[in-house]
Amino acid sequence: VIGESEQVKGFYNAVGYSGHGYMLAPATGEVMAEIILEGKSKSVNIDHLSMTRFKDGNFEMEHNVV
């Protein structure tokens, strides 16, 4: 889950890496900086990582979970 909370303005999430956070930290940092400073990610499309995907039913099952 990456993005700003709908409930708390200015609270940002970058969670749920299931052990892969260290490997993905550089890209996550870049994306979070873009979201916070520019309002959206410009380097990577993160629409599929939004928290709202759960309530909207727009999520895909991960097939590569170890």
PDB file of N, CA and C in Angstrom:
ATOM      1  N   VAL A   1       0.853  -1.166   0.000  1.00  0.00           N
ATOM      2  CA  VAL A   1       0.000   0.000   0.000  1.00  0.00           C
ATOM      3  C   VAL A   1       0.897   1.226   0.000  1.00  0.00           C
ATOM      4  N   ILE A   2       0.727   2.058  -0.993  1.00  0.00           N
ATOM      5  CA  ILE A   2       1.507   3.290  -1.096  1.00  0.00           C
ATOM      6  C   ILE A   2       0.550   4.437  -1.383  1.00  0.00           C
ATOM      7  N   GLY A   3       0.681   5.524  -0.622  1.00  0.00           N
ATOM      8  CA  GLY A   3      -0.109   6.711  -0.890  1.00  0.00           C
ATOM      9  C   GLY A   3      -0.576   7.413   0.364  1.00  0.00           C
ATOM     10  N   GLU A   4      -1.268   8.515   0.153  1.00  0.00           N
ATOM     11  CA  GLU A   4      -1.769   9.318   1.269  1.00  0.00           C
ATOM     12  C   GLU A   4      -3.058   8.724   1.824  1.00  0.00           C
ATOM     13  N   SER A   5      -3.200   8.795   3.122  1.00  0.00           N
ATOM     14  CA  SER A   5      -4.402   8.317   3.796  1.00  0.00           C
ATOM     15  C   SER A   5      -5.590   9.198   3.423  1.00  0.00           C
ATOM     16  N   GLU A   6      -6.745   8.574   3.204  1.00  0.00           N
ATOM     17  CA  GLU A   6      -7.965   9.349   2.960  1.00  0.00           C
ATOM     18  C   GLU A   6      -8.506   9.946   4.251  1.00  0.00           C
ATOM     19  N   GLN A   7      -8.214   9.316   5.382  1.00  0.00           N
ATOM     20  CA  GLN A   7      -8.749   9.752   6.662  1.00  0.00           C
ATOM     21  C   GLN A   7      -7.910  10.834   7.332  1.00  0.00           C
ATOM     22  N   VAL A   8      -6.598  10.801   7.147  1.00  0.00           N
ATOM     23  CA  VAL A   8      -5.709  11.736   7.839  1.00  0.00           C
ATOM     24  C   VAL A   8      -4.852  12.466   6.810  1.00  0.00           C
ATOM     25  N   LYS A   9      -5.178  13.726   6.557  1.00  0.00           N
ATOM     26  CA  LYS A   9      -4.430  14.536   5.595  1.00  0.00           C
ATOM     27  C   LYS A   9      -2.972  14.644   6.031  1.00  0.00           C
ATOM     28  N   GLY A  10      -2.062  14.404   5.101  1.00  0.00           N
ATOM     29  CA  GLY A  10      -0.642  14.497   5.395  1.00  0.00           C
ATOM     30  C   GLY A  10      -0.023  13.229   5.959  1.00  0.00           C
ATOM     31  N   PHE A  11      -0.825  12.159   6.105  1.00  0.00           N
ATOM     32  CA  PHE A  11      -0.299  10.875   6.582  1.00  0.00           C
ATOM     33  C   PHE A  11      -0.137   9.959   5.377  1.00  0.00           C
ATOM     34  N   TYR A  12       1.072   9.495   5.167  1.00  0.00           N
ATOM     35  CA  TYR A  12       1.384   8.686   3.991  1.00  0.00           C
ATOM     36  C   TYR A  12       1.767   7.271   4.394  1.00  0.00           C
ATOM     37  N   ASN A  13       1.325   6.301   3.595  1.00  0.00           N
ATOM     38  CA  ASN A  13       1.627   4.892   3.827  1.00  0.00           C
ATOM     39  C   ASN A  13       2.604   4.378   2.778  1.00  0.00           C
ATOM     40  N   ALA A  14       3.501   3.533   3.205  1.00  0.00           N
ATOM     41  CA  ALA A  14       4.359   2.745   2.316  1.00  0.00           C
ATOM     42  C   ALA A  14       4.613   1.444   3.073  1.00  0.00           C
ATOM     43  N   VAL A  15       3.635   0.547   3.012  1.00  0.00           N
ATOM     44  CA  VAL A  15       3.641  -0.642   3.870  1.00  0.00           C
ATOM     45  C   VAL A  15       3.246  -1.902   3.097  1.00  0.00           C
ATOM     46  N   GLY A  16       3.494  -3.047   3.733  1.00  0.00           N
ATOM     47  CA  GLY A  16       3.018  -4.317   3.194  1.00  0.00           C
ATOM     48  C   GLY A  16       3.998  -5.011   2.266  1.00  0.00           C
ATOM     49  N   TYR A  17       5.279  -4.881   2.525  1.00  0.00           N
ATOM     50  CA  TYR A  17       6.283  -5.437   1.623  1.00  0.00           C
ATOM     51  C   TYR A  17       6.600  -6.905   1.875  1.00  0.00           C
ATOM     52  N   SER A  18       6.138  -7.467   2.960  1.00  0.00           N
ATOM     53  CA  SER A  18       6.308  -8.892   3.241  1.00  0.00           C
ATOM     54  C   SER A  18       7.755  -9.356   3.081  1.00  0.00           C
ATOM     55  N   GLY A  19       8.675  -8.618   3.676  1.00  0.00           N
ATOM     56  CA  GLY A  19      10.078  -9.002   3.639  1.00  0.00           C
ATOM     57  C   GLY A  19      10.883  -8.431   2.491  1.00  0.00           C
ATOM     58  N   HIS A  20      10.243  -7.785   1.533  1.00  0.00           N
ATOM     59  CA  HIS A  20      10.949  -7.229   0.380  1.00  0.00           C
ATOM     60  C   HIS A  20      11.221  -5.734   0.506  1.00  0.00           C
ATOM     61  N   GLY A  21      10.912  -5.169   1.648  1.00  0.00           N
ATOM     62  CA  GLY A  21      11.068  -3.731   1.844  1.00  0.00           C
ATOM     63  C   GLY A  21      12.476  -3.223   1.648  1.00  0.00           C
ATOM     64  N   TYR A  22      13.459  -3.962   2.111  1.00  0.00           N
ATOM     65  CA  TYR A  22      14.855  -3.531   1.974  1.00  0.00           C
ATOM     66  C   TYR A  22      15.236  -3.436   0.500  1.00  0.00           C
ATOM     67  N   MET A  23      14.827  -4.394  -0.284  1.00  0.00           N
ATOM     68  CA  MET A  23      15.138  -4.415  -1.706  1.00  0.00           C
ATOM     69  C   MET A  23      14.415  -3.286  -2.452  1.00  0.00           C
ATOM     70  N   LEU A  24      13.195  -2.984  -2.034  1.00  0.00           N
ATOM     71  CA  LEU A  24      12.386  -1.985  -2.727  1.00  0.00           C
ATOM     72  C   LEU A  24      12.507  -0.586  -2.135  1.00  0.00           C
ATOM     73  N   ALA A  25      13.291  -0.430  -1.073  1.00  0.00           N
ATOM     74  CA  ALA A  25      13.390   0.858  -0.373  1.00  0.00           C
ATOM     75  C   ALA A  25      13.814   2.024  -1.264  1.00  0.00           C
ATOM     76  N   PRO A  26      14.807   1.888  -2.140  1.00  0.00           N
ATOM     77  CA  PRO A  26      15.192   3.035  -2.970  1.00  0.00           C
ATOM     78  C   PRO A  26      14.052   3.524  -3.872  1.00  0.00           C
ATOM     79  N   ALA A  27      13.362   2.599  -4.527  1.00  0.00           N
ATOM     80  CA  ALA A  27      12.249   2.984  -5.396  1.00  0.00           C
ATOM     81  C   ALA A  27      11.085   3.537  -4.582  1.00  0.00           C
ATOM     82  N   THR A  28      10.826   2.938  -3.420  1.00  0.00           N
ATOM     83  CA  THR A  28       9.759   3.424  -2.550  1.00  0.00           C
ATOM     84  C   THR A  28      10.049   4.841  -2.091  1.00  0.00           C
ATOM     85  N   GLY A  29      11.280   5.113  -1.717  1.00  0.00           N
ATOM     86  CA  GLY A  29      11.663   6.463  -1.296  1.00  0.00           C
ATOM     87  C   GLY A  29      11.458   7.480  -2.396  1.00  0.00           C
ATOM     88  N   GLU A  30      11.825   7.116  -3.618  1.00  0.00           N
ATOM     89  CA  GLU A  30      11.638   8.027  -4.754  1.00  0.00           C
ATOM     90  C   GLU A  30      10.156   8.301  -4.997  1.00  0.00           C
ATOM     91  N   VAL A  31       9.355   7.244  -4.985  1.00  0.00           N
ATOM     92  CA  VAL A  31       7.914   7.394  -5.211  1.00  0.00           C
ATOM     93  C   VAL A  31       7.268   8.215  -4.100  1.00  0.00           C
ATOM     94  N   MET A  32       7.619   7.936  -2.858  1.00  0.00           N
ATOM     95  CA  MET A  32       7.047   8.689  -1.737  1.00  0.00           C
ATOM     96  C   MET A  32       7.428  10.163  -1.818  1.00  0.00           C
ATOM     97  N   ALA A  33       8.664  10.464  -2.185  1.00  0.00           N
ATOM     98  CA  ALA A  33       9.080  11.860  -2.339  1.00  0.00           C
ATOM     99  C   ALA A  33       8.252  12.549  -3.414  1.00  0.00           C
ATOM    100  N   GLU A  34       8.016  11.879  -4.526  1.00  0.00           N
ATOM    101  CA  GLU A  34       7.198  12.458  -5.594  1.00  0.00           C
ATOM    102  C   GLU A  34       5.771  12.710  -5.120  1.00  0.00           C
ATOM    103  N   ILE A  35       5.193  11.744  -4.417  1.00  0.00           N
ATOM    104  CA  ILE A  35       3.820  11.898  -3.928  1.00  0.00           C
ATOM    105  C   ILE A  35       3.722  13.078  -2.967  1.00  0.00           C
ATOM    106  N   ILE A  36       4.642  13.157  -2.031  1.00  0.00           N
ATOM    107  CA  ILE A  36       4.591  14.207  -1.014  1.00  0.00           C
ATOM    108  C   ILE A  36       4.880  15.578  -1.615  1.00  0.00           C
ATOM    109  N   LEU A  37       5.866  15.669  -2.497  1.00  0.00           N
ATOM    110  CA  LEU A  37       6.276  16.966  -3.039  1.00  0.00           C
ATOM    111  C   LEU A  37       5.463  17.417  -4.247  1.00  0.00           C
ATOM    112  N   GLU A  38       5.025  16.455  -5.078  1.00  0.00           N
ATOM    113  CA  GLU A  38       4.366  16.814  -6.333  1.00  0.00           C
ATOM    114  C   GLU A  38       2.907  16.380  -6.413  1.00  0.00           C
ATOM    115  N   GLY A  39       2.444  15.614  -5.420  1.00  0.00           N
ATOM    116  CA  GLY A  39       1.045  15.205  -5.405  1.00  0.00           C
ATOM    117  C   GLY A  39       0.749  13.879  -6.069  1.00  0.00           C
ATOM    118  N   LYS A  40       1.705  13.331  -6.830  1.00  0.00           N
ATOM    119  CA  LYS A  40       1.521  12.020  -7.452  1.00  0.00           C
ATOM    120  C   LYS A  40       2.870  11.463  -7.878  1.00  0.00           C
ATOM    121  N   SER A  41       2.898  10.176  -8.093  1.00  0.00           N
ATOM    122  CA  SER A  41       4.121   9.529  -8.557  1.00  0.00           C
ATOM    123  C   SER A  41       4.266   9.769 -10.047  1.00  0.00           C
ATOM    124  N   LYS A  42       5.428  10.235 -10.450  1.00  0.00           N
ATOM    125  CA  LYS A  42       5.682  10.473 -11.868  1.00  0.00           C
ATOM    126  C   LYS A  42       6.588   9.410 -12.477  1.00  0.00           C
ATOM    127  N   SER A  43       7.395   8.739 -11.659  1.00  0.00           N
ATOM    128  CA  SER A  43       8.345   7.765 -12.191  1.00  0.00           C
ATOM    129  C   SER A  43       7.725   6.384 -12.402  1.00  0.00           C
ATOM    130  N   VAL A  44       6.716   6.051 -11.593  1.00  0.00           N
ATOM    131  CA  VAL A  44       6.096   4.725 -11.654  1.00  0.00           C
ATOM    132  C   VAL A  44       4.593   4.869 -11.453  1.00  0.00           C
ATOM    133  N   ASN A  45       3.803   4.119 -12.218  1.00  0.00           N
ATOM    134  CA  ASN A  45       2.354   4.103 -12.015  1.00  0.00           C
ATOM    135  C   ASN A  45       2.057   3.238 -10.793  1.00  0.00           C
ATOM    136  N   ILE A  46       1.531   3.856  -9.748  1.00  0.00           N
ATOM    137  CA  ILE A  46       1.244   3.119  -8.508  1.00  0.00           C
ATOM    138  C   ILE A  46      -0.256   3.007  -8.236  1.00  0.00           C
ATOM    139  N   ASP A  47      -1.083   3.241  -9.229  1.00  0.00           N
ATOM    140  CA  ASP A  47      -2.536   3.166  -9.032  1.00  0.00           C
ATOM    141  C   ASP A  47      -2.964   1.825  -8.436  1.00  0.00           C
ATOM    142  N   HIS A  48      -2.327   0.754  -8.846  1.00  0.00           N
ATOM    143  CA  HIS A  48      -2.690  -0.584  -8.358  1.00  0.00           C
ATOM    144  C   HIS A  48      -2.230  -0.832  -6.925  1.00  0.00           C
ATOM    145  N   LEU A  49      -1.520   0.127  -6.314  1.00  0.00           N
ATOM    146  CA  LEU A  49      -1.043  -0.012  -4.936  1.00  0.00           C
ATOM    147  C   LEU A  49      -1.835   0.846  -3.948  1.00  0.00           C
ATOM    148  N   SER A  50      -2.907   1.453  -4.396  1.00  0.00           N
ATOM    149  CA  SER A  50      -3.724   2.335  -3.566  1.00  0.00           C
ATOM    150  C   SER A  50      -4.513   1.562  -2.509  1.00  0.00           C
ATOM    151  N   MET A  51      -4.685   2.173  -1.348  1.00  0.00           N
ATOM    152  CA  MET A  51      -5.499   1.572  -0.287  1.00  0.00           C
ATOM    153  C   MET A  51      -6.954   1.415  -0.741  1.00  0.00           C
ATOM    154  N   THR A  52      -7.430   2.307  -1.577  1.00  0.00           N
ATOM    155  CA  THR A  52      -8.831   2.260  -2.008  1.00  0.00           C
ATOM    156  C   THR A  52      -9.138   1.043  -2.869  1.00  0.00           C
ATOM    157  N   ARG A  53      -8.126   0.374  -3.370  1.00  0.00           N
ATOM    158  CA  ARG A  53      -8.387  -0.800  -4.215  1.00  0.00           C
ATOM    159  C   ARG A  53      -9.127  -1.898  -3.460  1.00  0.00           C
ATOM    160  N   PHE A  54      -8.965  -1.950  -2.146  1.00  0.00           N
ATOM    161  CA  PHE A  54      -9.645  -2.977  -1.360  1.00  0.00           C
ATOM    162  C   PHE A  54     -11.144  -2.700  -1.255  1.00  0.00           C
ATOM    163  N   LYS A  55     -11.511  -1.457  -0.991  1.00  0.00           N
ATOM    164  CA  LYS A  55     -12.939  -1.147  -0.876  1.00  0.00           C
ATOM    165  C   LYS A  55     -13.618  -1.088  -2.238  1.00  0.00           C
ATOM    166  N   ASP A  56     -12.840  -0.776  -3.291  1.00  0.00           N
ATOM    167  CA  ASP A  56     -13.389  -0.717  -4.644  1.00  0.00           C
ATOM    168  C   ASP A  56     -13.410  -2.083  -5.324  1.00  0.00           C
ATOM    169  N   GLY A  57     -12.703  -3.047  -4.741  1.00  0.00           N
ATOM    170  CA  GLY A  57     -12.631  -4.375  -5.343  1.00  0.00           C
ATOM    171  C   GLY A  57     -11.698  -4.438  -6.535  1.00  0.00           C
ATOM    172  N   ASN A  58     -10.817  -3.452  -6.676  1.00  0.00           N
ATOM    173  CA  ASN A  58      -9.886  -3.399  -7.807  1.00  0.00           C
ATOM    174  C   ASN A  58      -8.507  -3.897  -7.394  1.00  0.00           C
ATOM    175  N   PHE A  59      -8.414  -5.148  -7.038  1.00  0.00           N
ATOM    176  CA  PHE A  59      -7.117  -5.682  -6.650  1.00  0.00           C
ATOM    177  C   PHE A  59      -6.891  -7.026  -7.330  1.00  0.00           C
ATOM    178  N   GLU A  60      -5.633  -7.345  -7.495  1.00  0.00           N
ATOM    179  CA  GLU A  60      -5.249  -8.606  -8.110  1.00  0.00           C
ATOM    180  C   GLU A  60      -4.574  -9.480  -7.066  1.00  0.00           C
ATOM    181  N   MET A  61      -4.770 -10.753  -7.159  1.00  0.00           N
ATOM    182  CA  MET A  61      -4.102 -11.683  -6.260  1.00  0.00           C
ATOM    183  C   MET A  61      -2.650 -11.822  -6.697  1.00  0.00           C
ATOM    184  N   GLU A  62      -1.745 -11.813  -5.736  1.00  0.00           N
ATOM    185  CA  GLU A  62      -0.324 -11.977  -6.019  1.00  0.00           C
ATOM    186  C   GLU A  62      -0.034 -13.459  -6.225  1.00  0.00           C
ATOM    187  N   HIS A  63       0.562 -13.780  -7.355  1.00  0.00           N
ATOM    188  CA  HIS A  63       0.857 -15.177  -7.678  1.00  0.00           C
ATOM    189  C   HIS A  63       2.283 -15.574  -7.301  1.00  0.00           C
ATOM    190  N   ASN A  64       3.105 -14.605  -6.933  1.00  0.00           N
ATOM    191  CA  ASN A  64       4.513 -14.882  -6.672  1.00  0.00           C
ATOM    192  C   ASN A  64       4.896 -14.721  -5.210  1.00  0.00           C
ATOM    193  N   VAL A  65       3.980 -14.959  -4.306  1.00  0.00           N
ATOM    194  CA  VAL A  65       4.277 -14.841  -2.881  1.00  0.00           C
ATOM    195  C   VAL A  65       5.089 -16.053  -2.445  1.00  0.00           C
ATOM    196  N   VAL A  66       6.180 -15.787  -1.762  1.00  0.00           N
ATOM    197  CA  VAL A  66       7.046 -16.871  -1.295  1.00  0.00           C
ATOM    198  C   VAL A  66       6.708 -17.194   0.140  1.00  0.00           C
TER     199      VAL A  66
END
